[in-house]
């Protein structure tokens, strides 16, 4: 699993990723304090676990087709909105 995750993470330059961390335009509340180093480590560990879980689900075939997602999104704000697609597993 970690090989795929590493491959995904290396698609963006390190400077880009570092610049995104704590970017002011991404904060909901301008008065919100930046996260501490400990909070950042907890957040990154949680995100890492979620990525591992998502990759395991995809490897097990629990996916939804692009076409199903596109049809669902295209149905938003219409009189015939489709239910959220599910993998069926």
PDB file of N, CA and C in Angstrom:
ATOM      1  N   UNK A   1       0.805  -1.198   0.000  1.00  0.00           N
ATOM      2  CA  UNK A   1       0.000   0.000   0.000  1.00  0.00           C
ATOM      3  C   UNK A   1       0.849   1.264   0.000  1.00  0.00           C
ATOM      4  N   UNK A   2       1.891   1.292   0.813  1.00  0.00           N
ATOM      5  CA  UNK A   2       2.648   2.534   0.939  1.00  0.00           C
ATOM      6  C   UNK A   2       3.323   2.925  -0.366  1.00  0.00           C
ATOM      7  N   UNK A   3       3.644   1.959  -1.227  1.00  0.00           N
ATOM      8  CA  UNK A   3       4.252   2.292  -2.511  1.00  0.00           C
ATOM      9  C   UNK A   3       3.315   3.125  -3.371  1.00  0.00           C
ATOM     10  N   UNK A   4       2.044   2.734  -3.420  1.00  0.00           N
ATOM     11  CA  UNK A   4       1.066   3.501  -4.202  1.00  0.00           C
ATOM     12  C   UNK A   4       0.867   4.877  -3.604  1.00  0.00           C
ATOM     13  N   UNK A   5       0.834   4.930  -2.279  1.00  0.00           N
ATOM     14  CA  UNK A   5       0.632   6.212  -1.612  1.00  0.00           C
ATOM     15  C   UNK A   5       1.816   7.128  -1.881  1.00  0.00           C
ATOM     16  N   UNK A   6       3.021   6.574  -1.835  1.00  0.00           N
ATOM     17  CA  UNK A   6       4.213   7.368  -2.112  1.00  0.00           C
ATOM     18  C   UNK A   6       4.178   7.877  -3.540  1.00  0.00           C
ATOM     19  N   UNK A   7       3.771   7.037  -4.463  1.00  0.00           N
ATOM     20  CA  UNK A   7       3.684   7.448  -5.856  1.00  0.00           C
ATOM     21  C   UNK A   7       2.700   8.603  -6.012  1.00  0.00           C
ATOM     22  N   UNK A   8       1.559   8.521  -5.358  1.00  0.00           N
ATOM     23  CA  UNK A   8       0.583   9.597  -5.439  1.00  0.00           C
ATOM     24  C   UNK A   8       1.133  10.881  -4.842  1.00  0.00           C
ATOM     25  N   UNK A   9       1.802  10.770  -3.710  1.00  0.00           N
ATOM     26  CA  UNK A   9       2.304  11.956  -3.025  1.00  0.00           C
ATOM     27  C   UNK A   9       3.403  12.653  -3.810  1.00  0.00           C
ATOM     28  N   UNK A  10       4.142  11.930  -4.617  1.00  0.00           N
ATOM     29  CA  UNK A  10       5.259  12.546  -5.327  1.00  0.00           C
ATOM     30  C   UNK A  10       4.838  13.218  -6.633  1.00  0.00           C
ATOM     31  N   UNK A  11       3.580  13.189  -6.957  1.00  0.00           N
ATOM     32  CA  UNK A  11       3.126  13.834  -8.185  1.00  0.00           C
ATOM     33  C   UNK A  11       3.095  15.355  -8.059  1.00  0.00           C
ATOM     34  N   UNK A  12       3.118  15.869  -6.856  1.00  0.00           N
ATOM     35  CA  UNK A  12       3.132  17.311  -6.631  1.00  0.00           C
ATOM     36  C   UNK A  12       4.500  17.708  -6.098  1.00  0.00           C
ATOM     37  N   UNK A  13       5.054  18.804  -6.558  1.00  0.00           N
ATOM     38  CA  UNK A  13       6.342  19.254  -6.031  1.00  0.00           C
ATOM     39  C   UNK A  13       6.237  19.548  -4.536  1.00  0.00           C
ATOM     40  N   UNK A  14       7.311  19.281  -3.821  1.00  0.00           N
ATOM     41  CA  UNK A  14       7.321  19.496  -2.373  1.00  0.00           C
ATOM     42  C   UNK A  14       6.993  20.941  -2.023  1.00  0.00           C
ATOM     43  N   UNK A  15       7.463  21.896  -2.815  1.00  0.00           N
ATOM     44  CA  UNK A  15       7.194  23.301  -2.528  1.00  0.00           C
ATOM     45  C   UNK A  15       5.690  23.592  -2.600  1.00  0.00           C
ATOM     46  N   UNK A  16       5.004  22.963  -3.545  1.00  0.00           N
ATOM     47  CA  UNK A  16       3.560  23.148  -3.669  1.00  0.00           C
ATOM     48  C   UNK A  16       2.866  22.623  -2.424  1.00  0.00           C
ATOM     49  N   UNK A  17       3.228  21.408  -2.007  1.00  0.00           N
ATOM     50  CA  UNK A  17       2.596  20.812  -0.830  1.00  0.00           C
ATOM     51  C   UNK A  17       2.885  21.626   0.418  1.00  0.00           C
ATOM     52  N   UNK A  18       4.118  22.090   0.566  1.00  0.00           N
ATOM     53  CA  UNK A  18       4.465  22.892   1.739  1.00  0.00           C
ATOM     54  C   UNK A  18       3.684  24.198   1.730  1.00  0.00           C
ATOM     55  N   UNK A  19       3.502  24.781   0.563  1.00  0.00           N
ATOM     56  CA  UNK A  19       2.765  26.028   0.461  1.00  0.00           C
ATOM     57  C   UNK A  19       1.294  25.869   0.774  1.00  0.00           C
ATOM     58  N   UNK A  20       0.734  24.685   0.509  1.00  0.00           N
ATOM     59  CA  UNK A  20      -0.678  24.445   0.779  1.00  0.00           C
ATOM     60  C   UNK A  20      -0.948  24.283   2.263  1.00  0.00           C
ATOM     61  N   UNK A  21       0.035  23.840   3.018  1.00  0.00           N
ATOM     62  CA  UNK A  21      -0.141  23.575   4.435  1.00  0.00           C
ATOM     63  C   UNK A  21      -0.401  24.876   5.174  1.00  0.00           C
ATOM     64  N   UNK A  22      -1.591  25.043   5.685  1.00  0.00           N
ATOM     65  CA  UNK A  22      -1.917  26.232   6.453  1.00  0.00           C
ATOM     66  C   UNK A  22      -2.104  27.479   5.612  1.00  0.00           C
ATOM     67  N   UNK A  23      -2.388  27.308   4.319  1.00  0.00           N
ATOM     68  CA  UNK A  23      -2.588  28.465   3.453  1.00  0.00           C
ATOM     69  C   UNK A  23      -3.751  29.301   3.969  1.00  0.00           C
ATOM     70  N   UNK A  24      -3.553  30.618   4.128  1.00  0.00           N
ATOM     71  CA  UNK A  24      -4.599  31.464   4.708  1.00  0.00           C
ATOM     72  C   UNK A  24      -5.909  31.427   3.933  1.00  0.00           C
ATOM     73  N   UNK A  25      -5.847  31.309   2.613  1.00  0.00           N
ATOM     74  CA  UNK A  25      -7.080  31.318   1.835  1.00  0.00           C
ATOM     75  C   UNK A  25      -7.896  30.041   2.018  1.00  0.00           C
ATOM     76  N   UNK A  26      -7.325  29.024   2.669  1.00  0.00           N
ATOM     77  CA  UNK A  26      -8.059  27.785   2.906  1.00  0.00           C
ATOM     78  C   UNK A  26      -8.714  27.752   4.277  1.00  0.00           C
ATOM     79  N   UNK A  27      -8.433  28.726   5.105  1.00  0.00           N
ATOM     80  CA  UNK A  27      -9.003  28.752   6.445  1.00  0.00           C
ATOM     81  C   UNK A  27     -10.410  29.313   6.399  1.00  0.00           C
ATOM     82  N   UNK A  28     -11.334  28.668   7.138  1.00  0.00           N
ATOM     83  CA  UNK A  28     -12.719  29.132   7.183  1.00  0.00           C
ATOM     84  C   UNK A  28     -12.857  30.392   8.028  1.00  0.00           C
ATOM     85  N   UNK A  29     -12.144  30.449   9.120  1.00  0.00           N
ATOM     86  CA  UNK A  29     -12.266  31.554  10.061  1.00  0.00           C
ATOM     87  C   UNK A  29     -10.935  32.296  10.126  1.00  0.00           C
ATOM     88  N   UNK A  30     -10.905  33.563   9.714  1.00  0.00           N
ATOM     89  CA  UNK A  30      -9.633  34.293   9.737  1.00  0.00           C
ATOM     90  C   UNK A  30      -9.064  34.470  11.142  1.00  0.00           C
ATOM     91  N   UNK A  31      -9.898  34.307  12.161  1.00  0.00           N
ATOM     92  CA  UNK A  31      -9.431  34.431  13.547  1.00  0.00           C
ATOM     93  C   UNK A  31      -8.942  33.100  14.115  1.00  0.00           C
ATOM     94  N   UNK A  32      -9.099  32.043  13.348  1.00  0.00           N
ATOM     95  CA  UNK A  32      -8.687  30.711  13.797  1.00  0.00           C
ATOM     96  C   UNK A  32      -7.166  30.652  13.897  1.00  0.00           C
ATOM     97  N   UNK A  33      -6.696  30.067  14.985  1.00  0.00           N
ATOM     98  CA  UNK A  33      -5.262  29.920  15.205  1.00  0.00           C
ATOM     99  C   UNK A  33      -4.723  28.787  14.340  1.00  0.00           C
ATOM    100  N   UNK A  34      -3.503  28.950  13.825  1.00  0.00           N
ATOM    101  CA  UNK A  34      -2.909  27.848  13.057  1.00  0.00           C
ATOM    102  C   UNK A  34      -2.752  26.609  13.940  1.00  0.00           C
ATOM    103  N   UNK A  35      -2.785  25.450  13.319  1.00  0.00           N
ATOM    104  CA  UNK A  35      -2.660  24.225  14.099  1.00  0.00           C
ATOM    105  C   UNK A  35      -1.253  24.104  14.672  1.00  0.00           C
ATOM    106  N   UNK A  36      -1.176  23.465  15.823  1.00  0.00           N
ATOM    107  CA  UNK A  36       0.116  23.235  16.453  1.00  0.00           C
ATOM    108  C   UNK A  36       0.806  22.072  15.744  1.00  0.00           C
ATOM    109  N   UNK A  37       2.079  21.892  16.032  1.00  0.00           N
ATOM    110  CA  UNK A  37       2.820  20.774  15.436  1.00  0.00           C
ATOM    111  C   UNK A  37       2.176  19.440  15.829  1.00  0.00           C
ATOM    112  N   UNK A  38       1.719  19.343  17.069  1.00  0.00           N
ATOM    113  CA  UNK A  38       1.079  18.107  17.536  1.00  0.00           C
ATOM    114  C   UNK A  38      -0.249  17.881  16.794  1.00  0.00           C
ATOM    115  N   UNK A  39      -1.040  18.931  16.633  1.00  0.00           N
ATOM    116  CA  UNK A  39      -2.303  18.811  15.900  1.00  0.00           C
ATOM    117  C   UNK A  39      -2.045  18.430  14.449  1.00  0.00           C
ATOM    118  N   UNK A  40      -1.019  19.013  13.863  1.00  0.00           N
ATOM    119  CA  UNK A  40      -0.666  18.704  12.471  1.00  0.00           C
ATOM    120  C   UNK A  40      -0.287  17.240  12.332  1.00  0.00           C
ATOM    121  N   UNK A  41       0.526  16.733  13.252  1.00  0.00           N
ATOM    122  CA  UNK A  41       0.929  15.326  13.199  1.00  0.00           C
ATOM    123  C   UNK A  41      -0.281  14.411  13.335  1.00  0.00           C
ATOM    124  N   UNK A  42      -1.216  14.756  14.243  1.00  0.00           N
ATOM    125  CA  UNK A  42      -2.434  13.950  14.400  1.00  0.00           C
ATOM    126  C   UNK A  42      -3.271  13.984  13.128  1.00  0.00           C
ATOM    127  N   UNK A  43      -3.410  15.175  12.537  1.00  0.00           N
ATOM    128  CA  UNK A  43      -4.188  15.309  11.301  1.00  0.00           C
ATOM    129  C   UNK A  43      -3.560  14.501  10.179  1.00  0.00           C
ATOM    130  N   UNK A  44      -2.246  14.612  10.030  1.00  0.00           N
ATOM    131  CA  UNK A  44      -1.567  13.878   8.961  1.00  0.00           C
ATOM    132  C   UNK A  44      -1.665  12.374   9.165  1.00  0.00           C
ATOM    133  N   UNK A  45      -1.573  11.913  10.403  1.00  0.00           N
ATOM    134  CA  UNK A  45      -1.707  10.481  10.687  1.00  0.00           C
ATOM    135  C   UNK A  45      -3.118  10.005  10.348  1.00  0.00           C
ATOM    136  N   UNK A  46      -4.111  10.823  10.682  1.00  0.00           N
ATOM    137  CA  UNK A  46      -5.498  10.476  10.372  1.00  0.00           C
ATOM    138  C   UNK A  46      -5.714  10.439   8.860  1.00  0.00           C
ATOM    139  N   UNK A  47      -5.186  11.437   8.148  1.00  0.00           N
ATOM    140  CA  UNK A  47      -5.312  11.458   6.694  1.00  0.00           C
ATOM    141  C   UNK A  47      -4.607  10.263   6.071  1.00  0.00           C
ATOM    142  N   UNK A  48      -3.458   9.894   6.605  1.00  0.00           N
ATOM    143  CA  UNK A  48      -2.713   8.740   6.107  1.00  0.00           C
ATOM    144  C   UNK A  48      -3.539   7.462   6.271  1.00  0.00           C
ATOM    145  N   UNK A  49      -4.190   7.320   7.424  1.00  0.00           N
ATOM    146  CA  UNK A  49      -5.023   6.139   7.673  1.00  0.00           C
ATOM    147  C   UNK A  49      -6.214   6.108   6.717  1.00  0.00           C
ATOM    148  N   UNK A  50      -6.811   7.268   6.451  1.00  0.00           N
ATOM    149  CA  UNK A  50      -7.941   7.317   5.521  1.00  0.00           C
ATOM    150  C   UNK A  50      -7.510   6.975   4.097  1.00  0.00           C
ATOM    151  N   UNK A  51      -6.318   7.418   3.710  1.00  0.00           N
ATOM    152  CA  UNK A  51      -5.804   7.084   2.380  1.00  0.00           C
ATOM    153  C   UNK A  51      -5.577   5.579   2.277  1.00  0.00           C
ATOM    154  N   UNK A  52      -4.971   4.973   3.304  1.00  0.00           N
ATOM    155  CA  UNK A  52      -4.770   3.522   3.310  1.00  0.00           C
ATOM    156  C   UNK A  52      -6.099   2.783   3.186  1.00  0.00           C
ATOM    157  N   UNK A  53      -7.109   3.255   3.912  1.00  0.00           N
ATOM    158  CA  UNK A  53      -8.427   2.624   3.866  1.00  0.00           C
ATOM    159  C   UNK A  53      -9.042   2.753   2.470  1.00  0.00           C
ATOM    160  N   UNK A  54      -8.924   3.920   1.865  1.00  0.00           N
ATOM    161  CA  UNK A  54      -9.478   4.135   0.527  1.00  0.00           C
ATOM    162  C   UNK A  54      -8.765   3.266  -0.506  1.00  0.00           C
ATOM    163  N   UNK A  55      -7.444   3.176  -0.410  1.00  0.00           N
ATOM    164  CA  UNK A  55      -6.692   2.340  -1.351  1.00  0.00           C
ATOM    165  C   UNK A  55      -7.050   0.869  -1.191  1.00  0.00           C
ATOM    166  N   UNK A  56      -7.256   0.428   0.039  1.00  0.00           N
ATOM    167  CA  UNK A  56      -7.654  -0.964   0.287  1.00  0.00           C
ATOM    168  C   UNK A  56      -9.044  -1.229  -0.287  1.00  0.00           C
ATOM    169  N   UNK A  57      -9.953  -0.272  -0.130  1.00  0.00           N
ATOM    170  CA  UNK A  57     -11.299  -0.431  -0.692  1.00  0.00           C
ATOM    171  C   UNK A  57     -11.245  -0.528  -2.212  1.00  0.00           C
ATOM    172  N   UNK A  58     -10.452   0.331  -2.826  1.00  0.00           N
ATOM    173  CA  UNK A  58     -10.328   0.294  -4.285  1.00  0.00           C
ATOM    174  C   UNK A  58      -9.705  -1.018  -4.743  1.00  0.00           C
ATOM    175  N   UNK A  59      -8.675  -1.481  -4.037  1.00  0.00           N
ATOM    176  CA  UNK A  59      -8.022  -2.739  -4.400  1.00  0.00           C
ATOM    177  C   UNK A  59      -8.984  -3.921  -4.262  1.00  0.00           C
ATOM    178  N   UNK A  60      -9.947  -3.804  -3.341  1.00  0.00           N
ATOM    179  CA  UNK A  60     -10.929  -4.867  -3.141  1.00  0.00           C
ATOM    180  C   UNK A  60     -12.095  -4.754  -4.120  1.00  0.00           C
ATOM    181  N   UNK A  61     -12.044  -3.742  -4.989  1.00  0.00           N
ATOM    182  CA  UNK A  61     -13.087  -3.594  -5.996  1.00  0.00           C
ATOM    183  C   UNK A  61     -14.276  -2.760  -5.559  1.00  0.00           C
ATOM    184  N   UNK A  62     -14.181  -2.141  -4.401  1.00  0.00           N
ATOM    185  CA  UNK A  62     -15.283  -1.304  -3.925  1.00  0.00           C
ATOM    186  C   UNK A  62     -15.128   0.096  -4.528  1.00  0.00           C
ATOM    187  N   UNK A  63     -15.576   0.224  -5.757  1.00  0.00           N
ATOM    188  CA  UNK A  63     -15.448   1.478  -6.496  1.00  0.00           C
ATOM    189  C   UNK A  63     -16.791   1.815  -7.135  1.00  0.00           C
ATOM    190  N   UNK A  64     -16.886   3.041  -7.613  1.00  0.00           N
ATOM    191  CA  UNK A  64     -18.064   3.503  -8.344  1.00  0.00           C
ATOM    192  C   UNK A  64     -17.549   4.039  -9.670  1.00  0.00           C
ATOM    193  N   UNK A  65     -18.247   3.730 -10.737  1.00  0.00           N
ATOM    194  CA  UNK A  65     -17.786   4.158 -12.057  1.00  0.00           C
ATOM    195  C   UNK A  65     -17.878   5.676 -12.204  1.00  0.00           C
ATOM    196  N   UNK A  66     -17.009   6.202 -13.034  1.00  0.00           N
ATOM    197  CA  UNK A  66     -17.033   7.628 -13.347  1.00  0.00           C
ATOM    198  C   UNK A  66     -18.398   8.016 -13.912  1.00  0.00           C
ATOM    199  N   UNK A  67     -18.943   7.169 -14.778  1.00  0.00           N
ATOM    200  CA  UNK A  67     -20.215   7.462 -15.414  1.00  0.00           C
ATOM    201  C   UNK A  67     -21.330   7.602 -14.384  1.00  0.00           C
ATOM    202  N   UNK A  68     -21.323   6.722 -13.360  1.00  0.00           N
ATOM    203  CA  UNK A  68     -22.351   6.785 -12.318  1.00  0.00           C
ATOM    204  C   UNK A  68     -22.217   8.068 -11.499  1.00  0.00           C
ATOM    205  N   UNK A  69     -20.986   8.447 -11.181  1.00  0.00           N
ATOM    206  CA  UNK A  69     -20.768   9.679 -10.416  1.00  0.00           C
ATOM    207  C   UNK A  69     -21.159  10.891 -11.251  1.00  0.00           C
ATOM    208  N   UNK A  70     -20.778  10.890 -12.524  1.00  0.00           N
ATOM    209  CA  UNK A  70     -21.112  12.018 -13.401  1.00  0.00           C
ATOM    210  C   UNK A  70     -22.623  12.162 -13.540  1.00  0.00           C
ATOM    211  N   UNK A  71     -23.323  11.064 -13.730  1.00  0.00           N
ATOM    212  CA  UNK A  71     -24.781  11.119 -13.852  1.00  0.00           C
ATOM    213  C   UNK A  71     -25.402  11.666 -12.568  1.00  0.00           C
ATOM    214  N   UNK A  72     -24.877  11.250 -11.432  1.00  0.00           N
ATOM    215  CA  UNK A  72     -25.381  11.730 -10.144  1.00  0.00           C
ATOM    216  C   UNK A  72     -25.158  13.238 -10.013  1.00  0.00           C
ATOM    217  N   UNK A  73     -23.939  13.701 -10.281  1.00  0.00           N
ATOM    218  CA  UNK A  73     -23.625  15.128 -10.169  1.00  0.00           C
ATOM    219  C   UNK A  73     -24.459  15.934 -11.170  1.00  0.00           C
ATOM    220  N   UNK A  74     -24.597  15.423 -12.370  1.00  0.00           N
ATOM    221  CA  UNK A  74     -25.386  16.130 -13.384  1.00  0.00           C
ATOM    222  C   UNK A  74     -26.856  16.247 -12.982  1.00  0.00           C
ATOM    223  N   UNK A  75     -27.320  15.361 -12.110  1.00  0.00           N
ATOM    224  CA  UNK A  75     -28.722  15.394 -11.695  1.00  0.00           C
ATOM    225  C   UNK A  75     -28.991  16.374 -10.553  1.00  0.00           C
ATOM    226  N   UNK A  76     -27.937  16.910  -9.957  1.00  0.00           N
ATOM    227  CA  UNK A  76     -28.125  17.864  -8.861  1.00  0.00           C
ATOM    228  C   UNK A  76     -28.919  19.068  -9.339  1.00  0.00           C
ATOM    229  N   UNK A  77     -29.725  19.604  -8.462  1.00  0.00           N
ATOM    230  CA  UNK A  77     -30.551  20.786  -8.747  1.00  0.00           C
ATOM    231  C   UNK A  77     -31.502  20.572  -9.914  1.00  0.00           C
ATOM    232  N   UNK A  78     -31.928  19.330 -10.097  1.00  0.00           N
ATOM    233  CA  UNK A  78     -32.950  19.035 -11.099  1.00  0.00           C
ATOM    234  C   UNK A  78     -34.156  18.454 -10.362  1.00  0.00           C
ATOM    235  N   UNK A  79     -35.238  18.266 -11.078  1.00  0.00           N
ATOM    236  CA  UNK A  79     -36.432  17.664 -10.479  1.00  0.00           C
ATOM    237  C   UNK A  79     -36.284  16.151 -10.310  1.00  0.00           C
ATOM    238  N   UNK A  80     -35.225  15.595 -10.892  1.00  0.00           N
ATOM    239  CA  UNK A  80     -35.034  14.138 -10.848  1.00  0.00           C
ATOM    240  C   UNK A  80     -33.629  13.804 -10.348  1.00  0.00           C
ATOM    241  N   UNK A  81     -33.282  14.340  -9.175  1.00  0.00           N
ATOM    242  CA  UNK A  81     -31.945  14.083  -8.624  1.00  0.00           C
ATOM    243  C   UNK A  81     -31.799  12.601  -8.311  1.00  0.00           C
ATOM    244  N   UNK A  82     -30.676  12.046  -8.753  1.00  0.00           N
ATOM    245  CA  UNK A  82     -30.395  10.632  -8.533  1.00  0.00           C
ATOM    246  C   UNK A  82     -29.837  10.409  -7.135  1.00  0.00           C
ATOM    247  N   UNK A  83     -30.037   9.208  -6.583  1.00  0.00           N
ATOM    248  CA  UNK A  83     -29.419   8.908  -5.293  1.00  0.00           C
ATOM    249  C   UNK A  83     -27.897   8.781  -5.453  1.00  0.00           C
ATOM    250  N   UNK A  84     -27.200   9.031  -4.373  1.00  0.00           N
ATOM    251  CA  UNK A  84     -25.723   8.913  -4.406  1.00  0.00           C
ATOM    252  C   UNK A  84     -25.355   7.498  -4.820  1.00  0.00           C
ATOM    253  N   UNK A  85     -24.453   7.352  -5.800  1.00  0.00           N
ATOM    254  CA  UNK A  85     -24.060   6.007  -6.237  1.00  0.00           C
ATOM    255  C   UNK A  85     -23.284   5.273  -5.141  1.00  0.00           C
ATOM    256  N   UNK A  86     -23.469   3.986  -5.099  1.00  0.00           N
ATOM    257  CA  UNK A  86     -22.788   3.114  -4.124  1.00  0.00           C
ATOM    258  C   UNK A  86     -22.079   2.003  -4.883  1.00  0.00           C
ATOM    259  N   UNK A  87     -21.069   1.453  -4.271  1.00  0.00           N
ATOM    260  CA  UNK A  87     -20.307   0.398  -4.942  1.00  0.00           C
ATOM    261  C   UNK A  87     -21.067  -0.927  -4.955  1.00  0.00           C
ATOM    262  N   UNK A  88     -22.000  -1.115  -4.079  1.00  0.00           N
ATOM    263  CA  UNK A  88     -22.747  -2.376  -4.032  1.00  0.00           C
ATOM    264  C   UNK A  88     -22.046  -3.437  -3.214  1.00  0.00           C
ATOM    265  N   UNK A  89     -20.933  -3.067  -2.585  1.00  0.00           N
ATOM    266  CA  UNK A  89     -20.206  -4.035  -1.745  1.00  0.00           C
ATOM    267  C   UNK A  89     -20.102  -3.538  -0.347  1.00  0.00           C
TER     268      UNK A  89
END
